Structures are given as structure tokens and as C-alpha cells.
């Protein structure tokens, strides 16, 4: 890591990458949660399934969202990526 200061263009690019990472992670989490917990809203399922699907959907959605943020920011941080 160097001690040189980043230019305004580099700071703007990092800000855009962070925004993209968070937005795409939220979208991914919403889609995964909807796919896993959505059937509870549509069909009459057994009580155990109706309690379990939203929890499992939330956990998997959160894990995938965190992984998406890490993946995008890791890819952004690679030197010489352009």
C-alpha cells in the first residue's frame, strides 16, 4: 500500500463501486428471500414450513448479500483491474 493520496476520480470510482455493491446485494437478498419465503404468502402450507421458510430465506438472503458485497469490493480493490 502506498502513502499517496487518491485523486477525486479514484474516490468517486470507489464510491460508485460501494453503492453498486450495496444496491446489488439488496436486490439479490430481496430476490432470494422472495423466492424462498414467497410460497408462504401464496399457498397454505403446514405450520412448521410456514415458520421455517421465512427464517431460512432471511438467513440465506443475508449471507448471499454479504458475499455479494465482499465479491464486488474485492474485485474493485484488485490492482490493475482496468
Protein backbone atom coordinates (compact mmCIF):
# COMPACT_ATOMS: atom_id res chain seq x y z
CA UNK A 1 0.00 0.00 0.00
CA UNK A 2 1.34 3.36 -0.95
CA UNK A 3 1.05 6.53 1.01
CA UNK A 4 -0.02 8.64 -1.96
CA UNK A 5 -3.35 10.40 -1.82
CA UNK A 6 -6.16 9.30 -4.07
CA UNK A 7 -7.44 11.61 -6.77
CA UNK A 8 -11.03 12.79 -6.85
CA UNK A 9 -11.74 10.44 -9.75
CA UNK A 10 -10.45 7.46 -7.75
CA UNK A 11 -12.56 8.43 -4.73
CA UNK A 12 -15.62 8.82 -6.95
CA UNK A 13 -14.99 5.41 -8.52
CA UNK A 14 -14.73 3.80 -5.09
CA UNK A 15 -17.98 5.50 -4.01
CA UNK A 16 -19.76 4.21 -7.10
CA UNK A 17 -18.42 0.68 -6.51
CA UNK A 18 -19.60 0.72 -2.90
CA UNK A 19 -23.04 1.94 -3.97
CA UNK A 20 -23.22 -0.73 -6.67
CA UNK A 21 -22.15 -3.42 -4.20
CA UNK A 22 -24.81 -2.44 -1.67
CA UNK A 23 -27.58 -2.00 -4.23
CA UNK A 24 -26.90 -5.29 -5.98
CA UNK A 25 -26.63 -7.05 -2.60
CA UNK A 26 -30.02 -5.69 -1.53
CA UNK A 27 -31.56 -6.76 -4.82
CA UNK A 28 -30.05 -10.24 -4.56
CA UNK A 29 -31.22 -10.57 -0.97
CA UNK A 30 -34.75 -9.48 -1.86
CA UNK A 31 -34.99 -11.91 -4.78
CA UNK A 32 -33.66 -14.84 -2.75
CA UNK A 33 -35.91 -14.05 0.20
CA UNK A 34 -38.91 -13.70 -2.09
CA UNK A 35 -38.15 -16.99 -3.79
CA UNK A 36 -37.79 -18.87 -0.52
CA UNK A 37 -40.41 -17.16 1.64
CA UNK A 38 -42.86 -16.29 -1.13
CA UNK A 39 -44.69 -19.61 -1.17
CA UNK A 40 -45.80 -18.96 2.41
CA UNK A 41 -47.79 -15.96 1.19
CA UNK A 42 -49.31 -17.83 -1.75
CA UNK A 43 -50.13 -21.32 -0.53
CA UNK A 44 -51.48 -22.83 2.63
CA UNK A 45 -48.54 -24.83 3.98
CA UNK A 46 -48.05 -26.79 7.20
CA UNK A 47 -47.33 -24.61 10.23
CA UNK A 48 -43.74 -25.80 10.60
CA UNK A 49 -42.99 -24.92 6.98
CA UNK A 50 -44.68 -21.52 7.28
CA UNK A 51 -42.45 -20.70 10.25
CA UNK A 52 -39.28 -22.13 8.79
CA UNK A 53 -39.25 -20.76 5.24
CA UNK A 54 -39.09 -17.04 6.14
CA UNK A 55 -36.29 -17.67 8.65
CA UNK A 56 -34.29 -19.80 6.23
CA UNK A 57 -34.96 -17.30 3.44
CA UNK A 58 -33.76 -14.41 5.60
CA UNK A 59 -30.59 -16.17 6.66
CA UNK A 60 -29.68 -17.30 3.16
CA UNK A 61 -30.53 -13.88 1.73
CA UNK A 62 -28.35 -12.13 4.32
CA UNK A 63 -25.41 -14.47 3.73
CA UNK A 64 -25.63 -14.07 -0.04
CA UNK A 65 -25.93 -10.28 0.28
CA UNK A 66 -22.77 -10.11 2.40
CA UNK A 67 -20.95 -12.38 -0.05
CA UNK A 68 -22.07 -10.15 -2.92
CA UNK A 69 -20.71 -7.02 -1.24
CA UNK A 70 -17.41 -8.74 -0.47
CA UNK A 71 -17.13 -10.07 -4.02
CA UNK A 72 -17.78 -6.71 -5.68
CA UNK A 73 -15.48 -4.77 -3.38
CA UNK A 74 -12.76 -7.43 -3.58
CA UNK A 75 -12.90 -7.26 -7.38
CA UNK A 76 -12.78 -3.45 -7.21
CA UNK A 77 -9.73 -3.47 -4.94
CA UNK A 78 -7.59 -5.62 -7.24
CA UNK A 79 -4.65 -3.62 -8.57
CA UNK A 80 -4.57 -3.18 -12.32
CA UNK A 81 -8.14 -4.23 -12.86
CA UNK A 82 -8.59 -1.84 -15.76
